[in-house]
Amino acid sequence: METPEELGLDFLDCLGPDTSITIFALLDDPADLARASAVSRSWRRFVIANQFSKIQCLRACPEVSNLSHIEVSSSGGTSAIARPAPDVRDHRVYMHLGHGLLSPYKPRDCIIHCIGASSTDNFPEETIENTLEPVDRVETRPSYWSSGGQRDPAVPECLIYKLQSDLCLVEEIRMQPFKAFFQYGDPIYSAKYIRFHMGYPKSPLRPETLVCDDNEGQLIADCNYTWTYTSPGFTMLQENVLQSFKLPRPVLCIGGVVKIELMGRIQKQAIDGLYYICVSHVQIVGKPLSRELGVVPRGNGVVLKYYPDTRGCVVPCMSESSRGDGGRSKWHGLASRIWHSGPSRGSNVSLFTRLFGGQLHLVDEDDESEDDEEELP
């Protein structure tokens, strides 16, 4: 019996472009998309032309829409002739980004530096850097950040942090208000509400502008940043515990800068009658993406940069165990229904078997520099 390939049948031709686009847009696993682009040269062209890798990234994190375009940093020994076409390049980079956004991970604290605080009561004893300590006492001294005192309890404050990567997936922020155990009554200097902003600096952050023992930090004003995400407001409890503020969904922090806005003061200090906000510990929890991906401000937007390493492999396929449901993605259910329906169902068996199960074999076709399909320059 002749195979579908010998009969010259193609799944895309049977369904037509509109239906095929609808089906491929449902793929929510970068591994499935990689397999689809490996079925044949025509499938690969179809995947690239319709930007399905970018669609996956946008569906996972709408913040991706802030990326104006992609640039690949030239690697040693790469000639202009060897560089792929822009649409192929974009496909490969978005596949890399999609894998980072959608692969399973163990959440962890992503803070790497303190940028600064809107005010500090006693610097450096009450610096923002104390909020990186997991406890409110270091040896015999208290460890916390304190704002300056205010007569108006509505005056806001902010803390700004740099994350471990230009692109970080953030799912929650944890914060512990400070209890002044050395003051009468053990007052807790919490804020009433908090809100989070994520974005990138308009110019590179230099070490001398970050908070340190001799410098409170110089880049606090919003004019220094472009914020690509602002969270809803959260109520903070006046309790000396590490409080969790979970975002409605994981958010892609483009640029690696997070501003924590502290709104409303509750506690007066008895000695001077002024309102303060004090924080003992902060965590920004999520997943730093690969350092091969970065961002660079350009004009009124931000460019996604790819810095290829010597390995050149962009999309390691997800392990079957990471997908749940015995390694079968939700796409398999839809594939099965299409497979067993319609007059051309027999011609689809071989293609779906190759696409979703067993060892993957590329269709043998002549020439084309696209054969090494997930290789970056």
Protein backbone atom coordinates (compact mmCIF):
# COMPACT_ATOMS: atom_id res chain seq x y z
CA MET A 1 0.00 0.00 0.00
CA GLU A 2 1.34 3.41 -0.97
CA THR A 3 2.26 5.84 1.80
CA PRO A 4 0.78 9.36 1.99
CA GLU A 5 4.14 10.75 0.84
CA GLU A 6 4.12 8.48 -2.22
CA LEU A 7 0.57 9.60 -3.00
CA GLY A 8 1.73 13.20 -2.79
CA LEU A 9 -0.80 14.13 -0.11
CA ASP A 10 -0.12 16.88 2.41
CA PHE A 11 -2.13 17.53 5.57
CA LEU A 12 -1.96 21.29 4.95
CA ASP A 13 -3.32 20.92 1.41
CA CYS A 14 -6.19 18.74 2.62
CA LEU A 15 -7.38 21.27 5.21
CA GLY A 16 -6.54 24.51 3.45
CA PRO A 17 -4.61 27.49 4.87
CA ASP A 18 -7.37 28.98 7.07
CA THR A 19 -8.16 25.75 8.92
CA SER A 20 -4.47 24.87 9.16
CA ILE A 21 -3.67 28.26 10.73
CA THR A 22 -6.47 27.78 13.28
CA ILE A 23 -5.13 24.34 14.24
CA PHE A 24 -1.46 25.31 14.44
CA ALA A 25 -2.32 28.36 16.54
CA LEU A 26 -3.61 25.94 19.21
CA LEU A 27 -0.16 24.45 19.76
CA ASP A 28 0.90 25.49 23.27
CA ASP A 29 4.13 23.52 23.61
CA PRO A 30 7.37 24.61 21.87
CA ALA A 31 8.31 20.94 21.46
CA ASP A 32 5.13 20.29 19.43
CA LEU A 33 5.86 23.32 17.26
CA ALA A 34 9.43 22.15 16.69
CA ARG A 35 8.12 18.74 15.63
CA ALA A 36 5.60 20.32 13.28
CA SER A 37 8.31 22.35 11.55
CA ALA A 38 10.37 19.13 11.15
CA VAL A 39 7.70 17.17 9.24
CA SER A 40 8.57 18.61 5.83
CA ARG A 41 9.92 21.67 4.11
CA SER A 42 6.41 22.95 3.35
CA TRP A 43 5.36 22.56 7.02
CA ARG A 44 8.46 24.40 8.13
CA ARG A 45 7.76 27.27 5.74
CA PHE A 46 4.15 27.37 6.94
CA VAL A 47 5.20 27.56 10.61
CA ILE A 48 7.73 30.32 9.94
CA ALA A 49 5.53 32.38 7.60
CA ASN A 50 2.66 32.48 10.10
CA GLN A 51 4.93 33.32 13.11
CA PHE A 52 3.54 30.55 15.31
CA SER A 53 6.58 30.69 17.60
CA LYS A 54 5.87 34.37 18.30
CA ILE A 55 2.17 33.61 18.80
CA GLN A 56 3.10 31.07 21.51
CA CYS A 57 5.20 33.69 23.31
CA LEU A 58 2.50 36.36 23.11
CA ARG A 59 -0.13 33.95 24.41
CA ALA A 60 2.09 32.99 27.35
CA CYS A 61 3.09 36.58 28.19
CA PRO A 62 1.44 39.58 26.48
CA GLU A 63 4.44 41.70 27.55
CA VAL A 64 6.30 40.19 24.56
CA SER A 65 4.41 42.73 22.41
CA ASN A 66 6.75 45.41 23.83
CA LEU A 67 9.66 43.90 21.88
CA SER A 68 9.97 45.97 18.70
CA HIS A 69 12.23 43.58 16.77
CA ILE A 70 15.01 41.00 17.11
CA GLU A 71 18.74 41.34 16.65
CA VAL A 72 21.30 38.53 16.74
CA SER A 73 24.74 39.40 18.04
CA SER A 74 27.38 38.37 15.53
CA SER A 75 29.40 35.38 16.64
CA GLY A 76 32.98 34.72 15.68
CA GLY A 77 33.46 33.18 12.27
CA THR A 78 29.92 33.78 11.06
CA SER A 79 29.76 35.15 7.55
CA ALA A 80 26.94 37.21 6.14
CA ILE A 81 26.21 34.41 3.64
CA ALA A 82 25.54 31.95 6.47
CA ARG A 83 23.01 34.16 8.22
CA PRO A 84 19.39 33.09 7.91
CA ALA A 85 16.62 35.24 6.49
CA PRO A 86 14.97 37.58 9.04
CA ASP A 87 11.80 35.49 9.31
CA VAL A 88 13.83 32.32 9.94
CA ARG A 89 15.98 34.16 12.50
CA ASP A 90 12.91 35.49 14.32
CA HIS A 91 11.33 32.03 14.37
CA ARG A 92 14.39 30.49 15.98
CA VAL A 93 14.78 33.22 18.62
CA TYR A 94 11.09 33.14 19.54
CA MET A 95 11.34 29.35 19.83
CA HIS A 96 14.15 29.88 22.32
CA LEU A 97 12.11 32.48 24.20
CA GLY A 98 9.00 30.27 24.15
CA HIS A 99 10.91 27.38 25.67
CA GLY A 100 12.05 29.64 28.51
CA LEU A 101 8.53 30.93 29.13
CA LEU A 102 6.70 27.61 28.95
CA SER A 103 9.09 25.02 30.37
CA PRO A 104 8.55 23.90 33.99
CA TYR A 105 10.71 25.53 36.66
CA LYS A 106 11.27 25.73 40.37
CA PRO A 107 10.50 29.30 41.53
CA ARG A 108 13.31 31.16 43.29
CA ASP A 109 14.29 34.63 44.40
CA CYS A 110 15.46 36.55 41.31
CA ILE A 111 16.96 39.70 42.92
CA ILE A 112 20.63 40.31 42.19
CA HIS A 113 21.12 44.02 43.13
CA CYS A 114 19.40 46.85 44.94
CA ILE A 115 19.05 49.97 42.77
CA GLY A 116 17.76 52.31 45.43
CA ALA A 117 14.95 53.57 47.66
CA SER A 118 12.88 56.73 47.44
CA SER A 119 14.18 57.76 50.87
CA THR A 120 16.20 56.32 53.75
CA ASP A 121 15.96 57.55 57.33
CA ASN A 122 19.46 56.65 58.50
CA PHE A 123 21.89 55.68 55.74
CA PRO A 124 23.64 53.24 55.57
CA GLU A 125 22.37 51.62 58.80
CA GLU A 126 18.81 51.38 57.41
CA THR A 127 19.71 50.85 53.73
CA ILE A 128 17.55 48.96 51.22
CA GLU A 129 20.34 46.37 51.02
CA ASN A 130 19.20 45.10 54.44
CA THR A 131 16.01 43.82 52.75
CA LEU A 132 18.04 41.11 51.03
CA GLU A 133 18.77 39.51 54.40
CA PRO A 134 16.31 36.69 55.18
CA VAL A 135 16.13 37.65 58.88
CA ASP A 136 15.36 40.89 60.74
CA ARG A 137 18.48 40.64 62.91
CA VAL A 138 22.08 40.14 61.79
CA GLU A 139 24.19 39.17 64.76
CA THR A 140 23.06 41.69 67.39
CA ARG A 141 21.86 44.54 65.15
CA PRO A 142 18.42 44.90 63.53
CA SER A 143 18.29 44.49 59.74
CA TYR A 144 15.69 46.53 57.86
CA TRP A 145 15.08 49.43 55.50
CA SER A 146 13.34 52.53 56.88
CA SER A 147 11.82 55.37 54.92
CA GLY A 148 12.18 58.96 55.97
CA GLY A 149 9.52 60.23 58.38
CA GLN A 150 6.45 62.12 57.10
CA ARG A 151 3.63 64.04 58.75
CA ASP A 152 1.29 63.09 55.89
CA PRO A 153 0.51 59.33 56.00
CA ALA A 154 -0.42 59.38 52.28
CA VAL A 155 3.14 60.10 51.07
CA PRO A 156 4.28 56.99 49.09
CA GLU A 157 7.67 55.30 49.03
CA CYS A 158 9.33 52.86 46.63
CA LEU A 159 12.06 50.24 46.52
CA ILE A 160 13.73 49.36 43.19
CA TYR A 161 15.61 46.13 42.45
CA LYS A 162 17.60 44.64 39.56
CA LEU A 163 16.89 41.01 38.70
CA GLN A 164 19.33 38.30 37.68
CA SER A 165 18.51 38.46 33.97
CA ASP A 166 17.19 40.98 31.46
CA LEU A 167 14.20 38.68 31.01
CA CYS A 168 12.64 37.17 34.12
CA LEU A 169 9.31 35.45 34.58
CA VAL A 170 7.87 36.83 37.84
CA GLU A 171 4.95 35.15 39.61
CA GLU A 172 4.92 36.68 43.09
CA ILE A 173 6.56 39.22 45.40
CA ARG A 174 7.09 38.49 49.07
CA MET A 175 7.60 41.20 51.66
CA GLN A 176 7.91 41.33 55.42
CA PRO A 177 7.15 44.55 57.31
CA PHE A 178 9.56 45.34 60.11
CA LYS A 179 8.60 45.09 63.79
CA ALA A 180 10.68 47.53 65.83
CA PHE A 181 11.41 45.18 68.73
CA PHE A 182 13.68 47.84 70.27
CA GLN A 183 10.81 50.35 70.64
CA TYR A 184 8.07 50.39 73.25
CA GLY A 185 5.08 48.28 72.20
CA ASP A 186 6.95 46.59 69.32
CA PRO A 187 5.29 48.72 66.60
CA ILE A 188 5.07 47.31 63.04
CA TYR A 189 5.78 49.88 60.32
CA SER A 190 3.91 48.40 57.37
CA ALA A 191 2.37 50.10 54.35
CA LYS A 192 -1.38 49.93 53.70
CA TYR A 193 -1.07 48.87 50.06
CA ILE A 194 1.62 47.85 47.62
CA ARG A 195 1.87 47.77 43.84
CA PHE A 196 4.55 46.53 41.45
CA HIS A 197 6.01 47.95 38.25
CA MET A 198 8.31 46.05 35.88
CA GLY A 199 10.39 47.40 33.05
CA TYR A 200 13.77 48.45 31.75
CA PRO A 201 16.16 51.39 32.31
CA LYS A 202 16.32 53.91 29.48
CA SER A 203 20.12 53.90 29.75
CA PRO A 204 22.45 51.17 31.06
CA LEU A 205 22.74 50.83 34.83
CA ARG A 206 26.26 51.70 35.97
CA PRO A 207 27.70 50.36 39.23
CA GLU A 208 28.23 53.86 40.61
CA THR A 209 24.50 54.63 40.31
CA LEU A 210 23.42 51.61 42.38
CA VAL A 211 22.96 51.72 46.13
CA CYS A 212 26.12 50.88 48.11
CA ASP A 213 27.69 51.74 51.45
CA ASP A 214 28.64 55.21 50.17
CA ASN A 215 25.72 55.88 47.83
CA GLU A 216 21.95 55.74 48.37
CA GLY A 217 21.36 55.18 44.65
CA GLN A 218 20.66 57.81 42.02
CA LEU A 219 18.14 56.19 39.65
CA ILE A 220 14.86 56.39 41.56
CA ALA A 221 12.79 58.70 39.35
CA ASP A 222 10.32 57.13 36.92
CA CYS A 223 11.83 59.20 34.10
CA ASN A 224 14.79 56.79 34.15
CA TYR A 225 12.62 53.77 33.25
CA THR A 226 10.00 52.47 30.87
CA TRP A 227 7.47 50.39 32.76
CA THR A 228 5.95 47.60 30.64
CA TYR A 229 3.74 46.15 33.39
CA THR A 230 1.89 47.53 36.40
CA SER A 231 0.19 45.17 38.84
CA PRO A 232 -3.10 45.69 40.63
CA GLY A 233 -2.85 46.99 44.20
CA PHE A 234 -2.54 44.57 47.11
CA THR A 235 -3.46 45.12 50.75
CA MET A 236 -0.59 44.67 53.19
CA LEU A 237 -1.26 43.35 56.67
CA GLN A 238 0.26 45.03 59.70
CA GLU A 239 1.92 41.78 60.68
CA ASN A 240 5.58 40.85 61.08
CA VAL A 241 5.45 37.89 58.66
CA LEU A 242 6.67 37.27 55.11
CA GLN A 243 3.54 38.15 53.13
CA SER A 244 2.97 36.76 49.64
CA PHE A 245 1.52 38.91 46.85
CA LYS A 246 0.83 36.61 43.92
CA LEU A 247 0.35 38.19 40.53
CA PRO A 248 -2.79 37.31 38.54
CA ARG A 249 -0.50 35.43 36.10
CA PRO A 250 3.25 35.03 35.60
CA VAL A 251 4.59 38.26 34.10
CA LEU A 252 7.60 38.65 31.83
CA CYS A 253 9.76 41.41 33.29
CA ILE A 254 11.38 42.97 30.22
CA GLY A 255 14.56 44.70 31.31
CA GLY A 256 14.97 43.10 34.72
CA VAL A 257 13.93 46.07 36.88
CA VAL A 258 11.14 45.85 39.49
CA LYS A 259 9.77 48.80 41.43
CA ILE A 260 7.79 48.09 44.60
CA GLU A 261 5.47 50.98 45.37
CA LEU A 262 4.48 51.34 49.03
CA MET A 263 1.31 53.38 49.54
CA GLY A 264 -0.18 54.63 52.80
CA ARG A 265 1.46 54.72 56.22
CA ILE A 266 -0.03 53.22 59.36
CA GLN A 267 2.45 53.58 62.20
CA LYS A 268 3.71 56.74 63.88
CA GLN A 269 7.01 56.74 65.70
CA ALA A 270 6.41 57.88 69.28
CA ILE A 271 9.65 59.82 69.60
CA ASP A 272 8.94 62.30 66.77
CA GLY A 273 5.28 61.77 65.85
CA LEU A 274 6.13 61.04 62.18
CA TYR A 275 4.87 58.20 59.99
CA TYR A 276 7.37 55.63 58.67
CA ILE A 277 7.41 52.52 56.48
CA CYS A 278 9.94 49.84 57.36
CA VAL A 279 10.66 46.57 55.54
CA SER A 280 12.84 43.74 56.79
CA HIS A 281 12.86 41.37 53.80
CA VAL A 282 11.88 41.28 50.11
CA GLN A 283 11.82 38.44 47.57
CA ILE A 284 10.88 38.64 43.88
CA VAL A 285 10.01 35.07 43.01
CA GLY A 286 10.06 33.50 39.58
CA LYS A 287 12.47 32.31 36.91
CA PRO A 288 15.40 34.13 35.25
CA LEU A 289 15.48 33.27 31.54
CA SER A 290 18.63 32.35 29.65
CA ARG A 291 21.35 34.98 29.54
CA GLU A 292 21.56 34.29 25.80
CA LEU A 293 18.48 36.54 25.61
CA GLY A 294 18.73 40.22 26.51
CA VAL A 295 17.07 43.54 25.78
CA VAL A 296 18.47 46.86 24.57
CA PRO A 297 16.50 50.15 24.55
CA ARG A 298 16.29 51.55 21.03
CA GLY A 299 14.44 54.76 20.23
CA ASN A 300 10.98 54.54 21.78
CA GLY A 301 11.07 50.76 22.12
CA VAL A 302 13.19 47.85 23.23
CA VAL A 303 15.02 45.29 21.08
CA LEU A 304 15.22 41.58 21.90
CA LYS A 305 18.88 40.57 21.53
CA TYR A 306 20.14 37.03 21.08
CA TYR A 307 23.72 36.23 22.06
CA PRO A 308 24.44 32.76 20.65
CA ASP A 309 26.84 30.49 22.47
CA THR A 310 29.14 27.98 20.84
CA ARG A 311 26.61 25.18 21.05
CA GLY A 312 24.08 26.99 18.84
CA CYS A 313 21.15 24.81 19.93
CA VAL A 314 18.17 26.98 20.71
CA VAL A 315 15.27 24.73 21.60
CA PRO A 316 15.89 21.68 23.76
CA CYS A 317 12.67 19.70 23.59
CA MET A 318 10.68 19.42 26.80
CA SER A 319 11.00 16.09 28.49
CA GLU A 320 7.92 13.95 28.19
CA SER A 321 7.62 13.78 31.97
CA SER A 322 7.38 17.58 32.20
CA ARG A 323 4.15 17.85 30.25
CA GLY A 324 1.83 15.98 32.55
CA ASP A 325 -0.85 13.52 31.42
CA GLY A 326 1.73 10.87 30.65
CA GLY A 327 3.74 13.15 28.36
CA ARG A 328 0.79 13.96 26.08
CA SER A 329 -0.05 17.63 25.50
CA LYS A 330 -3.58 18.88 24.98
CA TRP A 331 -2.81 19.01 21.24
CA HIS A 332 -2.93 15.22 21.05
CA GLY A 333 -6.67 15.19 21.74
CA LEU A 334 -7.36 17.56 18.85
CA ALA A 335 -4.94 15.71 16.61
CA SER A 336 -6.72 12.43 17.31
CA ARG A 337 -10.12 13.88 16.36
CA ILE A 338 -8.81 15.24 13.05
CA TRP A 339 -6.87 12.03 12.41
CA HIS A 340 -9.99 9.87 12.63
CA SER A 341 -12.36 12.19 10.77
CA GLY A 342 -12.94 13.10 7.13
CA PRO A 343 -12.31 11.29 3.86
CA SER A 344 -8.56 11.93 3.93
CA ARG A 345 -7.97 10.45 7.39
CA GLY A 346 -5.76 7.66 6.05
CA SER A 347 -3.33 10.12 4.53
CA ASN A 348 -2.85 11.84 7.90
CA VAL A 349 -1.85 8.75 9.91
CA SER A 350 1.81 8.74 8.93
CA LEU A 351 2.18 12.50 9.41
CA PHE A 352 0.61 12.57 12.87
CA THR A 353 2.57 9.50 13.93
CA ARG A 354 5.76 11.24 12.94
CA LEU A 355 4.66 14.52 14.51
CA PHE A 356 3.46 13.30 17.90
CA GLY A 357 4.98 9.96 18.63
CA GLY A 358 8.04 7.82 18.24
CA GLN A 359 11.38 8.79 16.78
CA LEU A 360 11.39 11.91 14.61
CA HIS A 361 12.68 11.54 11.05
CA LEU A 362 13.00 14.51 8.76
CA VAL A 363 11.56 14.23 5.28
CA ASP A 364 14.44 13.81 2.86
CA GLU A 365 14.35 16.76 0.47
CA ASP A 366 16.95 18.35 -1.72
CA ASP A 367 19.12 21.41 -0.91
CA GLU A 368 17.81 24.34 1.19
CA SER A 369 20.03 25.82 3.88
CA GLU A 370 17.08 25.44 6.29
CA ASP A 371 17.77 21.76 6.96
CA ASP A 372 19.59 22.43 10.23
CA GLU A 373 16.37 23.91 11.43
CA GLU A 374 17.10 24.86 15.00
CA GLU A 375 20.68 26.03 14.44
CA LEU A 376 21.40 29.68 15.10
CA PRO A 377 24.29 31.52 13.49
